Amino acid sequence: MRIAITSQNFRTITSHAGKSRRFLIYEVEREAPPNEVDRLDLPHGMALHDYHGDDHPLFVAGLDAIVTGGAGSGFVQRMARHGIQVLATSETDPLVALRAIATGQPLPPPMPHEH
């Protein structure tokens, strides 16, 4: 399973998935530790909030899911159109979240989103 983590600092799971330009990409298998295989550090204008093409790097990365601290319904729907599940959580440690996903454990729900 290939999973992206929204991480503006490349250390923790961060919110606002549609505005994120930094992603950690992991390969996750049930019996093995998560393996970081790539990092995306996209230039300005490439956040999904701003970019509207179907050739976005996230869409061609072969992702099964994106883990984020929060995402709007438009982001979730757009990812679903590309076969990518969005998993929002209040967990901030990428490895803890990925181990939970690999073993079928639920993630803690995300913090409420305020405008």
Protein backbone atom coordinates (compact mmCIF):
# COMPACT_ATOMS: atom_id res chain seq x y z
CA MET A 1 0.00 0.00 0.00
CA ARG A 2 1.43 3.41 -0.95
CA ILE A 3 0.46 6.20 1.44
CA ALA A 4 1.27 9.92 1.40
CA ILE A 5 1.45 11.97 4.61
CA THR A 6 0.81 15.71 4.55
CA SER A 7 3.83 17.12 6.35
CA GLN A 8 4.85 20.73 5.92
CA ASN A 9 7.89 20.11 8.17
CA PHE A 10 8.73 16.55 6.97
CA ARG A 11 8.41 15.35 10.60
CA THR A 12 4.76 15.43 11.65
CA ILE A 13 1.33 14.99 10.12
CA THR A 14 -0.02 18.44 9.35
CA SER A 15 -3.47 19.75 8.44
CA HIS A 16 -4.93 21.63 5.48
CA ALA A 17 -4.27 18.88 2.94
CA GLY A 18 -5.43 20.99 0.01
CA LYS A 19 -2.86 23.67 0.79
CA SER A 20 0.01 21.30 1.59
CA ARG A 21 3.01 21.23 -0.74
CA ARG A 22 5.10 18.76 1.24
CA PHE A 23 4.38 15.06 1.46
CA LEU A 24 6.15 12.01 2.82
CA ILE A 25 5.50 8.92 0.69
CA TYR A 26 5.61 5.48 2.32
CA GLU A 27 5.22 1.87 1.28
CA VAL A 28 3.26 0.10 4.01
CA GLU A 29 2.89 -3.65 4.48
CA ARG A 30 1.23 -5.44 7.37
CA GLU A 31 4.29 -7.37 8.58
CA ALA A 32 7.02 -4.80 7.88
CA PRO A 33 7.86 -1.37 9.27
CA PRO A 34 6.68 1.54 7.08
CA ASN A 35 9.31 2.40 4.49
CA GLU A 36 9.73 6.00 3.34
CA VAL A 37 10.24 5.87 -0.43
CA ASP A 38 9.93 9.51 -1.48
CA ARG A 39 9.35 13.10 -0.42
CA LEU A 40 7.48 15.68 -2.43
CA ASP A 41 8.46 19.32 -1.92
CA LEU A 42 6.30 21.01 -4.49
CA PRO A 43 6.80 24.59 -5.70
CA HIS A 44 4.33 27.41 -5.10
CA GLY A 45 1.20 26.96 -7.16
CA MET A 46 1.30 23.15 -6.89
CA ALA A 47 -0.85 22.78 -3.77
CA LEU A 48 -4.03 21.01 -4.83
CA HIS A 49 -6.00 24.06 -3.71
CA ASP A 50 -4.24 26.01 -6.48
CA TYR A 51 -3.52 23.36 -9.12
CA HIS A 52 -6.41 21.94 -11.11
CA GLY A 53 -4.83 19.58 -13.64
CA ASP A 54 -5.14 15.80 -13.62
CA ASP A 55 -1.36 15.43 -13.92
CA HIS A 56 -0.55 16.52 -10.36
CA PRO A 57 2.40 14.58 -8.83
CA LEU A 58 0.10 13.05 -6.19
CA PHE A 59 -2.12 11.59 -8.90
CA VAL A 60 0.76 9.92 -10.73
CA ALA A 61 2.48 8.61 -7.56
CA GLY A 62 0.37 5.44 -7.40
CA LEU A 63 -1.14 6.36 -4.03
CA ASP A 64 -3.76 4.32 -2.22
CA ALA A 65 -4.31 6.85 0.57
CA ILE A 66 -3.34 10.23 2.03
CA VAL A 67 -3.09 10.72 5.79
CA THR A 68 -3.65 14.28 6.98
CA GLY A 69 -4.63 16.28 10.02
CA GLY A 70 -7.59 17.69 8.14
CA ALA A 71 -9.13 18.06 4.70
CA GLY A 72 -12.22 19.66 3.26
CA SER A 73 -14.92 17.77 1.41
CA GLY A 74 -13.72 19.10 -1.96
CA PHE A 75 -10.27 17.62 -1.35
CA VAL A 76 -11.76 14.29 -0.28
CA GLN A 77 -13.97 14.15 -3.38
CA ARG A 78 -11.13 15.09 -5.70
CA MET A 79 -8.89 12.38 -4.26
CA ALA A 80 -11.70 9.83 -4.53
CA ARG A 81 -11.99 10.60 -8.26
CA HIS A 82 -8.36 9.47 -8.54
CA GLY A 83 -8.89 6.36 -6.39
CA ILE A 84 -7.11 7.83 -3.35
CA GLN A 85 -8.67 7.47 0.11
CA VAL A 86 -8.25 10.40 2.55
CA LEU A 87 -7.67 9.47 6.19
CA ALA A 88 -7.94 12.47 8.53
CA THR A 89 -6.56 12.08 12.05
CA SER A 90 -5.39 13.97 15.11
CA GLU A 91 -2.34 11.66 15.31
CA THR A 92 0.78 13.68 14.52
CA ASP A 93 3.40 10.93 14.33
CA PRO A 94 3.52 9.48 10.79
CA LEU A 95 4.94 6.11 11.89
CA VAL A 96 2.29 5.62 14.59
CA ALA A 97 -0.46 6.39 12.06
CA LEU A 98 1.03 4.10 9.41
CA ARG A 99 1.43 1.20 11.84
CA ALA A 100 -2.21 1.59 12.84
CA ILE A 101 -3.31 1.54 9.20
CA ALA A 102 -1.12 -1.50 8.44
CA THR A 103 -2.65 -3.48 11.30
CA GLY A 104 -6.24 -2.36 10.69
CA GLN A 105 -6.47 -0.22 13.82
CA PRO A 106 -8.58 2.95 13.75
CA LEU A 107 -6.86 6.33 13.70
CA PRO A 108 -7.88 8.95 16.28
CA PRO A 109 -10.40 11.33 14.71
CA PRO A 110 -9.18 14.71 13.46
CA MET A 111 -9.47 17.86 15.49
CA PRO A 112 -12.52 19.98 14.59
CA HIS A 113 -11.89 22.29 11.66
CA GLU A 114 -12.48 25.99 12.28
CA HIS A 115 -12.70 28.74 9.67
